[in-house]
Amino acid sequence: MPIKVVVDTNVFISSFWGGKPKEIIDLWINGEITICISEPILAEYLRVMIEKLHLNKDKIDRLVNLFGEKRNIEEVTPAKKFDVIKEDIDDNMFIDCAVEANAFYIISGDHHLLDLKKFQGIDIISPAAFLSTIERENF
């Protein structure tokens, strides 16, 4: 069974330019990890792609289709809302989702999340650290 992760928006969006974030999304597309997602996270992915990246409709449609296929995606509706990150309260949605999904990792490049390091047994790590961990532990 693929390992469950929550991917922060900055990692997801950065994957369009390659590098470690793209390697993580490739793991998802290839069925090696399961991305856990909530409605607020998906809404933020789409909002950032439209408003900040000005991605064309074809790219956005492909993404929506991937999520629509529900391949290696666990959709959750968090029952509890945490108020752990005060500096950027929107970041709490990643914690809410990870706890509800019982994910192993939150993968982020955001220092507000990374500074926590761990929350309720969920490791909060950078894309590079995640890739090193799964390589080392042979997930």
N, C-alpha and C. Protein backbone atom coordinates (compact mmCIF):
# COMPACT_ATOMS: atom_id res chain seq x y z
N MET A 1 0.84 -1.19 0.00
CA MET A 1 0.00 0.00 0.00
C MET A 1 0.89 1.25 0.00
N PRO A 2 0.61 2.20 -0.91
CA PRO A 2 1.43 3.41 -0.97
C PRO A 2 1.37 4.22 0.32
N ILE A 3 2.47 4.87 0.62
CA ILE A 3 2.56 5.70 1.82
C ILE A 3 1.71 6.97 1.62
N LYS A 4 1.01 7.38 2.67
CA LYS A 4 0.11 8.54 2.59
C LYS A 4 0.84 9.82 2.98
N VAL A 5 0.68 10.84 2.11
CA VAL A 5 1.32 12.13 2.34
C VAL A 5 0.34 13.26 2.04
N VAL A 6 0.61 14.40 2.64
CA VAL A 6 -0.08 15.64 2.29
C VAL A 6 0.98 16.54 1.67
N VAL A 7 0.67 17.10 0.51
CA VAL A 7 1.63 17.94 -0.22
C VAL A 7 1.17 19.39 -0.14
N ASP A 8 2.02 20.22 0.44
CA ASP A 8 1.73 21.65 0.56
C ASP A 8 1.65 22.28 -0.84
N THR A 9 0.92 23.35 -0.94
CA THR A 9 0.72 24.02 -2.22
C THR A 9 2.03 24.43 -2.86
N ASN A 10 2.98 24.93 -2.07
CA ASN A 10 4.24 25.39 -2.67
C ASN A 10 5.00 24.25 -3.34
N VAL A 11 4.91 23.05 -2.79
CA VAL A 11 5.57 21.88 -3.39
C VAL A 11 4.80 21.47 -4.64
N PHE A 12 3.49 21.40 -4.53
CA PHE A 12 2.68 20.99 -5.67
C PHE A 12 2.90 21.93 -6.86
N ILE A 13 2.83 23.22 -6.62
CA ILE A 13 2.99 24.20 -7.70
C ILE A 13 4.42 24.19 -8.25
N SER A 14 5.41 24.03 -7.39
CA SER A 14 6.81 23.99 -7.83
C SER A 14 7.09 22.80 -8.74
N SER A 15 6.27 21.77 -8.65
CA SER A 15 6.49 20.58 -9.47
C SER A 15 6.37 20.88 -10.97
N PHE A 16 5.69 21.96 -11.33
CA PHE A 16 5.56 22.33 -12.74
C PHE A 16 6.91 22.72 -13.34
N TRP A 17 7.87 23.08 -12.50
CA TRP A 17 9.19 23.49 -12.98
C TRP A 17 10.25 22.41 -12.79
N GLY A 18 9.86 21.23 -12.32
CA GLY A 18 10.82 20.14 -12.19
C GLY A 18 11.40 20.03 -10.80
N GLY A 19 12.58 19.44 -10.72
CA GLY A 19 13.29 19.28 -9.46
C GLY A 19 12.64 18.28 -8.52
N LYS A 20 12.97 18.41 -7.25
CA LYS A 20 12.47 17.49 -6.22
C LYS A 20 10.94 17.48 -6.13
N PRO A 21 10.28 18.66 -6.19
CA PRO A 21 8.82 18.62 -6.16
C PRO A 21 8.22 17.78 -7.30
N LYS A 22 8.80 17.86 -8.50
CA LYS A 22 8.29 17.05 -9.61
C LYS A 22 8.52 15.57 -9.33
N GLU A 23 9.65 15.22 -8.73
CA GLU A 23 9.91 13.82 -8.38
C GLU A 23 8.82 13.30 -7.45
N ILE A 24 8.37 14.14 -6.53
CA ILE A 24 7.31 13.72 -5.60
C ILE A 24 6.00 13.51 -6.35
N ILE A 25 5.65 14.43 -7.23
CA ILE A 25 4.42 14.28 -8.00
C ILE A 25 4.52 13.06 -8.92
N ASP A 26 5.70 12.79 -9.46
CA ASP A 26 5.89 11.58 -10.28
C ASP A 26 5.67 10.32 -9.46
N LEU A 27 6.11 10.33 -8.20
CA LEU A 27 5.85 9.17 -7.32
C LEU A 27 4.35 8.95 -7.17
N TRP A 28 3.61 10.03 -7.05
CA TRP A 28 2.15 9.95 -6.95
C TRP A 28 1.54 9.39 -8.24
N ILE A 29 1.93 9.98 -9.37
CA ILE A 29 1.38 9.55 -10.66
C ILE A 29 1.70 8.08 -10.92
N ASN A 30 2.88 7.63 -10.48
CA ASN A 30 3.30 6.24 -10.68
C ASN A 30 2.75 5.29 -9.63
N GLY A 31 1.95 5.80 -8.71
CA GLY A 31 1.30 4.94 -7.72
C GLY A 31 2.15 4.56 -6.53
N GLU A 32 3.26 5.26 -6.32
CA GLU A 32 4.16 4.91 -5.22
C GLU A 32 3.81 5.63 -3.92
N ILE A 33 3.05 6.71 -4.00
CA ILE A 33 2.55 7.40 -2.81
C ILE A 33 1.08 7.75 -3.03
N THR A 34 0.38 7.93 -1.95
CA THR A 34 -1.01 8.40 -2.00
C THR A 34 -1.04 9.83 -1.48
N ILE A 35 -1.61 10.73 -2.26
CA ILE A 35 -1.76 12.11 -1.81
C ILE A 35 -3.10 12.23 -1.09
N CYS A 36 -3.04 12.74 0.11
CA CYS A 36 -4.25 13.01 0.90
C CYS A 36 -4.62 14.47 0.67
N ILE A 37 -5.89 14.68 0.42
CA ILE A 37 -6.33 16.02 0.05
C ILE A 37 -7.69 16.32 0.67
N SER A 38 -7.91 17.58 0.93
CA SER A 38 -9.22 18.04 1.41
C SER A 38 -9.72 19.09 0.42
N GLU A 39 -10.96 19.42 0.53
CA GLU A 39 -11.53 20.43 -0.37
C GLU A 39 -10.79 21.77 -0.29
N PRO A 40 -10.45 22.26 0.92
CA PRO A 40 -9.70 23.53 0.98
C PRO A 40 -8.33 23.45 0.31
N ILE A 41 -7.67 22.30 0.40
CA ILE A 41 -6.35 22.17 -0.25
C ILE A 41 -6.51 22.19 -1.76
N LEU A 42 -7.44 21.42 -2.29
CA LEU A 42 -7.66 21.41 -3.73
C LEU A 42 -8.03 22.81 -4.22
N ALA A 43 -8.88 23.50 -3.48
CA ALA A 43 -9.26 24.87 -3.85
C ALA A 43 -8.05 25.79 -3.89
N GLU A 44 -7.13 25.63 -2.93
CA GLU A 44 -5.93 26.47 -2.93
C GLU A 44 -5.02 26.13 -4.11
N TYR A 45 -4.84 24.83 -4.40
CA TYR A 45 -4.04 24.44 -5.58
C TYR A 45 -4.58 25.17 -6.82
N LEU A 46 -5.88 25.05 -7.03
CA LEU A 46 -6.49 25.64 -8.23
C LEU A 46 -6.40 27.16 -8.23
N ARG A 47 -6.65 27.78 -7.08
CA ARG A 47 -6.59 29.24 -6.98
C ARG A 47 -5.19 29.75 -7.33
N VAL A 48 -4.17 29.11 -6.78
CA VAL A 48 -2.80 29.56 -7.05
C VAL A 48 -2.44 29.35 -8.51
N MET A 49 -2.87 28.22 -9.07
CA MET A 49 -2.56 27.98 -10.49
C MET A 49 -3.21 29.03 -11.39
N ILE A 50 -4.41 29.42 -11.06
CA ILE A 50 -5.13 30.39 -11.89
C ILE A 50 -4.63 31.81 -11.65
N GLU A 51 -4.56 32.22 -10.39
CA GLU A 51 -4.25 33.61 -10.06
C GLU A 51 -2.78 33.96 -10.18
N LYS A 52 -1.93 33.09 -9.71
CA LYS A 52 -0.51 33.45 -9.63
C LYS A 52 0.30 32.92 -10.80
N LEU A 53 -0.06 31.74 -11.30
CA LEU A 53 0.75 31.14 -12.36
C LEU A 53 0.17 31.38 -13.74
N HIS A 54 -1.08 31.78 -13.77
CA HIS A 54 -1.76 32.03 -15.05
C HIS A 54 -1.64 30.83 -15.99
N LEU A 55 -1.78 29.62 -15.41
CA LEU A 55 -1.70 28.42 -16.23
C LEU A 55 -2.87 28.37 -17.19
N ASN A 56 -2.61 27.78 -18.34
CA ASN A 56 -3.69 27.70 -19.33
C ASN A 56 -4.71 26.64 -18.93
N LYS A 57 -5.84 26.72 -19.57
CA LYS A 57 -6.96 25.84 -19.24
C LYS A 57 -6.60 24.37 -19.43
N ASP A 58 -5.78 24.04 -20.43
CA ASP A 58 -5.41 22.64 -20.67
C ASP A 58 -4.67 22.04 -19.48
N LYS A 59 -3.70 22.78 -18.93
CA LYS A 59 -2.95 22.26 -17.78
C LYS A 59 -3.86 22.09 -16.57
N ILE A 60 -4.72 23.05 -16.35
CA ILE A 60 -5.64 22.96 -15.21
C ILE A 60 -6.61 21.81 -15.41
N ASP A 61 -7.11 21.63 -16.63
CA ASP A 61 -8.02 20.52 -16.91
C ASP A 61 -7.34 19.17 -16.68
N ARG A 62 -6.08 19.06 -17.08
CA ARG A 62 -5.34 17.79 -16.86
C ARG A 62 -5.22 17.50 -15.37
N LEU A 63 -4.93 18.52 -14.60
CA LEU A 63 -4.82 18.33 -13.16
C LEU A 63 -6.16 17.91 -12.56
N VAL A 64 -7.20 18.61 -12.93
CA VAL A 64 -8.53 18.28 -12.40
C VAL A 64 -8.90 16.85 -12.79
N ASN A 65 -8.54 16.44 -14.01
CA ASN A 65 -8.82 15.06 -14.44
C ASN A 65 -8.05 14.05 -13.60
N LEU A 66 -6.79 14.36 -13.29
CA LEU A 66 -6.01 13.45 -12.43
C LEU A 66 -6.68 13.28 -11.08
N PHE A 67 -7.11 14.39 -10.50
CA PHE A 67 -7.79 14.30 -9.21
C PHE A 67 -9.14 13.61 -9.37
N GLY A 68 -9.80 13.84 -10.50
CA GLY A 68 -11.10 13.22 -10.74
C GLY A 68 -11.01 11.71 -10.88
N GLU A 69 -9.87 11.22 -11.39
CA GLU A 69 -9.68 9.77 -11.52
C GLU A 69 -9.47 9.12 -10.16
N LYS A 70 -9.13 9.92 -9.17
CA LYS A 70 -8.91 9.45 -7.80
C LYS A 70 -7.83 8.36 -7.74
N ARG A 71 -6.85 8.48 -8.60
CA ARG A 71 -5.74 7.54 -8.57
C ARG A 71 -4.82 7.92 -7.42
N ASN A 72 -4.70 7.03 -6.50
CA ASN A 72 -3.82 7.26 -5.35
C ASN A 72 -4.10 8.58 -4.65
N ILE A 73 -5.38 8.86 -4.51
CA ILE A 73 -5.81 10.05 -3.78
C ILE A 73 -6.76 9.62 -2.68
N GLU A 74 -6.53 10.15 -1.51
CA GLU A 74 -7.48 9.93 -0.42
C GLU A 74 -8.09 11.28 -0.07
N GLU A 75 -9.35 11.44 -0.38
CA GLU A 75 -10.05 12.68 -0.06
C GLU A 75 -10.61 12.57 1.34
N VAL A 76 -10.37 13.60 2.13
CA VAL A 76 -10.88 13.61 3.50
C VAL A 76 -11.61 14.92 3.79
N THR A 77 -12.50 14.83 4.74
CA THR A 77 -13.16 16.02 5.28
C THR A 77 -12.76 16.08 6.75
N PRO A 78 -11.80 16.94 7.07
CA PRO A 78 -11.32 16.97 8.46
C PRO A 78 -12.43 17.26 9.46
N ALA A 79 -12.49 16.41 10.47
CA ALA A 79 -13.49 16.57 11.53
C ALA A 79 -13.05 17.61 12.55
N LYS A 80 -11.73 17.82 12.61
CA LYS A 80 -11.18 18.75 13.60
C LYS A 80 -10.33 19.79 12.89
N LYS A 81 -10.43 21.01 13.35
CA LYS A 81 -9.61 22.11 12.83
C LYS A 81 -8.59 22.48 13.90
N PHE A 82 -7.33 22.42 13.52
CA PHE A 82 -6.26 22.75 14.46
C PHE A 82 -5.86 24.21 14.28
N ASP A 83 -5.36 24.79 15.35
CA ASP A 83 -4.91 26.18 15.35
C ASP A 83 -3.47 26.20 15.85
N VAL A 84 -2.62 25.51 15.12
CA VAL A 84 -1.23 25.33 15.54
C VAL A 84 -0.35 26.44 14.99
N ILE A 85 -0.59 26.83 13.74
CA ILE A 85 0.25 27.83 13.09
C ILE A 85 -0.48 29.17 13.15
N LYS A 86 0.05 30.03 13.96
CA LYS A 86 -0.58 31.35 14.16
C LYS A 86 -0.17 32.36 13.09
N GLU A 87 1.08 32.24 12.59
CA GLU A 87 1.62 33.22 11.65
C GLU A 87 0.92 33.17 10.28
N ASP A 88 0.44 32.00 9.90
CA ASP A 88 -0.24 31.84 8.61
C ASP A 88 -1.32 30.78 8.82
N ILE A 89 -2.47 31.22 9.28
CA ILE A 89 -3.51 30.27 9.71
C ILE A 89 -3.99 29.36 8.58
N ASP A 90 -3.83 29.77 7.33
CA ASP A 90 -4.23 28.90 6.22
C ASP A 90 -3.40 27.63 6.16
N ASP A 91 -2.18 27.66 6.68
CA ASP A 91 -1.33 26.47 6.69
C ASP A 91 -1.91 25.36 7.56
N ASN A 92 -2.78 25.70 8.48
CA ASN A 92 -3.38 24.69 9.35
C ASN A 92 -4.20 23.66 8.57
N MET A 93 -4.67 24.01 7.37
CA MET A 93 -5.47 23.05 6.60
C MET A 93 -4.66 21.81 6.23
N PHE A 94 -3.35 21.94 6.10
CA PHE A 94 -2.51 20.79 5.79
C PHE A 94 -2.41 19.86 7.00
N ILE A 95 -2.34 20.45 8.16
CA ILE A 95 -2.33 19.67 9.40
C ILE A 95 -3.68 18.99 9.59
N ASP A 96 -4.76 19.72 9.40
CA ASP A 96 -6.11 19.15 9.53
C ASP A 96 -6.25 17.92 8.64
N CYS A 97 -5.84 18.05 7.41
CA CYS A 97 -5.96 16.96 6.43
C CYS A 97 -5.09 15.77 6.82
N ALA A 98 -3.85 16.04 7.19
CA ALA A 98 -2.92 14.96 7.54
C ALA A 98 -3.40 14.16 8.74
N VAL A 99 -3.91 14.85 9.74
CA VAL A 99 -4.41 14.16 10.94
C VAL A 99 -5.63 13.31 10.57
N GLU A 100 -6.56 13.88 9.83
CA GLU A 100 -7.77 13.14 9.44
C GLU A 100 -7.44 11.91 8.60
N ALA A 101 -6.47 12.04 7.70
CA ALA A 101 -6.10 10.95 6.81
C ALA A 101 -5.14 9.96 7.45
N ASN A 102 -4.62 10.31 8.62
CA ASN A 102 -3.59 9.50 9.26
C ASN A 102 -2.37 9.35 8.34
N ALA A 103 -1.98 10.48 7.75
CA ALA A 103 -0.84 10.50 6.83
C ALA A 103 0.46 10.33 7.60
N PHE A 104 1.48 9.89 6.89
CA PHE A 104 2.80 9.74 7.49
C PHE A 104 3.61 11.03 7.42
N TYR A 105 3.39 11.81 6.34
CA TYR A 105 4.21 13.00 6.12
C TYR A 105 3.36 14.16 5.61
N ILE A 106 3.80 15.36 5.97
CA ILE A 106 3.40 16.59 5.29
C ILE A 106 4.68 17.05 4.60
N ILE A 107 4.61 17.22 3.28
CA ILE A 107 5.78 17.63 2.51
C ILE A 107 5.60 19.10 2.17
N SER A 108 6.55 19.92 2.61
CA SER A 108 6.39 21.37 2.48
C SER A 108 7.73 22.07 2.33
N GLY A 109 7.68 23.24 1.73
CA GLY A 109 8.83 24.13 1.71
C GLY A 109 8.57 25.37 2.55
N ASP A 110 7.45 25.39 3.24
CA ASP A 110 7.01 26.53 4.03
C ASP A 110 7.58 26.44 5.44
N HIS A 111 8.32 27.46 5.84
CA HIS A 111 8.97 27.41 7.16
C HIS A 111 7.96 27.35 8.30
N HIS A 112 6.76 27.89 8.11
CA HIS A 112 5.76 27.81 9.19
C HIS A 112 5.45 26.35 9.52
N LEU A 113 5.34 25.53 8.50
CA LEU A 113 5.09 24.11 8.72
C LEU A 113 6.37 23.38 9.11
N LEU A 114 7.45 23.64 8.39
CA LEU A 114 8.71 22.92 8.64
C LEU A 114 9.22 23.15 10.06
N ASP A 115 8.99 24.33 10.61
CA ASP A 115 9.45 24.63 11.97
C ASP A 115 8.80 23.71 13.01
N LEU A 116 7.61 23.19 12.70
CA LEU A 116 6.95 22.26 13.63
C LEU A 116 7.69 20.92 13.72
N LYS A 117 8.27 20.50 12.59
CA LYS A 117 8.99 19.23 12.47
C LYS A 117 8.08 18.00 12.57
N LYS A 118 7.18 17.99 13.53
CA LYS A 118 6.31 16.84 13.74
C LYS A 118 5.05 17.32 14.43
N PHE A 119 3.92 16.69 14.07
CA PHE A 119 2.66 17.00 14.74
C PHE A 119 1.85 15.72 14.84
N GLN A 120 1.53 15.33 16.05
CA GLN A 120 0.76 14.11 16.32
C GLN A 120 1.31 12.92 15.54
N GLY A 121 2.62 12.78 15.55
CA GLY A 121 3.26 11.63 14.91
C GLY A 121 3.47 11.77 13.41
N ILE A 122 3.06 12.89 12.84
CA ILE A 122 3.21 13.12 11.40
C ILE A 122 4.47 13.95 11.19
N ASP A 123 5.42 13.42 10.42
CA ASP A 123 6.64 14.16 10.12
C ASP A 123 6.36 15.25 9.10
N ILE A 124 6.89 16.43 9.34
CA ILE A 124 6.74 17.56 8.43
C ILE A 124 8.13 17.85 7.87
N ILE A 125 8.31 17.54 6.58
CA ILE A 125 9.65 17.58 6.01
C ILE A 125 9.65 18.22 4.62
N SER A 126 10.85 18.59 4.19
CA SER A 126 11.03 19.20 2.87
C SER A 126 10.96 18.11 1.79
N PRO A 127 10.79 18.53 0.54
CA PRO A 127 10.80 17.55 -0.55
C PRO A 127 12.09 16.73 -0.58
N ALA A 128 13.24 17.38 -0.42
CA ALA A 128 14.52 16.65 -0.45
C ALA A 128 14.60 15.63 0.69
N ALA A 129 14.18 16.03 1.88
CA ALA A 129 14.22 15.11 3.02
C ALA A 129 13.27 13.94 2.80
N PHE A 130 12.10 14.19 2.22
CA PHE A 130 11.16 13.11 1.94
C PHE A 130 11.76 12.12 0.96
N LEU A 131 12.32 12.62 -0.13
CA LEU A 131 12.90 11.72 -1.13
C LEU A 131 14.05 10.91 -0.55
N SER A 132 14.88 11.53 0.29
CA SER A 132 15.97 10.79 0.96
C SER A 132 15.41 9.71 1.87
N THR A 133 14.36 10.04 2.59
CA THR A 133 13.76 9.09 3.53
C THR A 133 13.18 7.89 2.81
N ILE A 134 12.43 8.11 1.74
CA ILE A 134 11.83 6.95 1.07
C ILE A 134 12.87 6.12 0.35
N GLU A 135 13.94 6.76 -0.12
CA GLU A 135 15.03 6.00 -0.75
C GLU A 135 15.74 5.15 0.30
N ARG A 136 16.01 5.75 1.45
CA ARG A 136 16.72 5.05 2.53
C ARG A 136 15.89 3.91 3.10
N GLU A 137 14.59 4.13 3.23
CA GLU A 137 13.73 3.13 3.87
C GLU A 137 13.03 2.22 2.88
N ASN A 138 13.32 2.41 1.59
CA ASN A 138 12.76 1.54 0.54
C ASN A 138 11.25 1.40 0.56
N PHE A 139 10.56 2.50 0.65
CA PHE A 139 9.08 2.44 0.63
C PHE A 139 8.62 1.98 -0.72
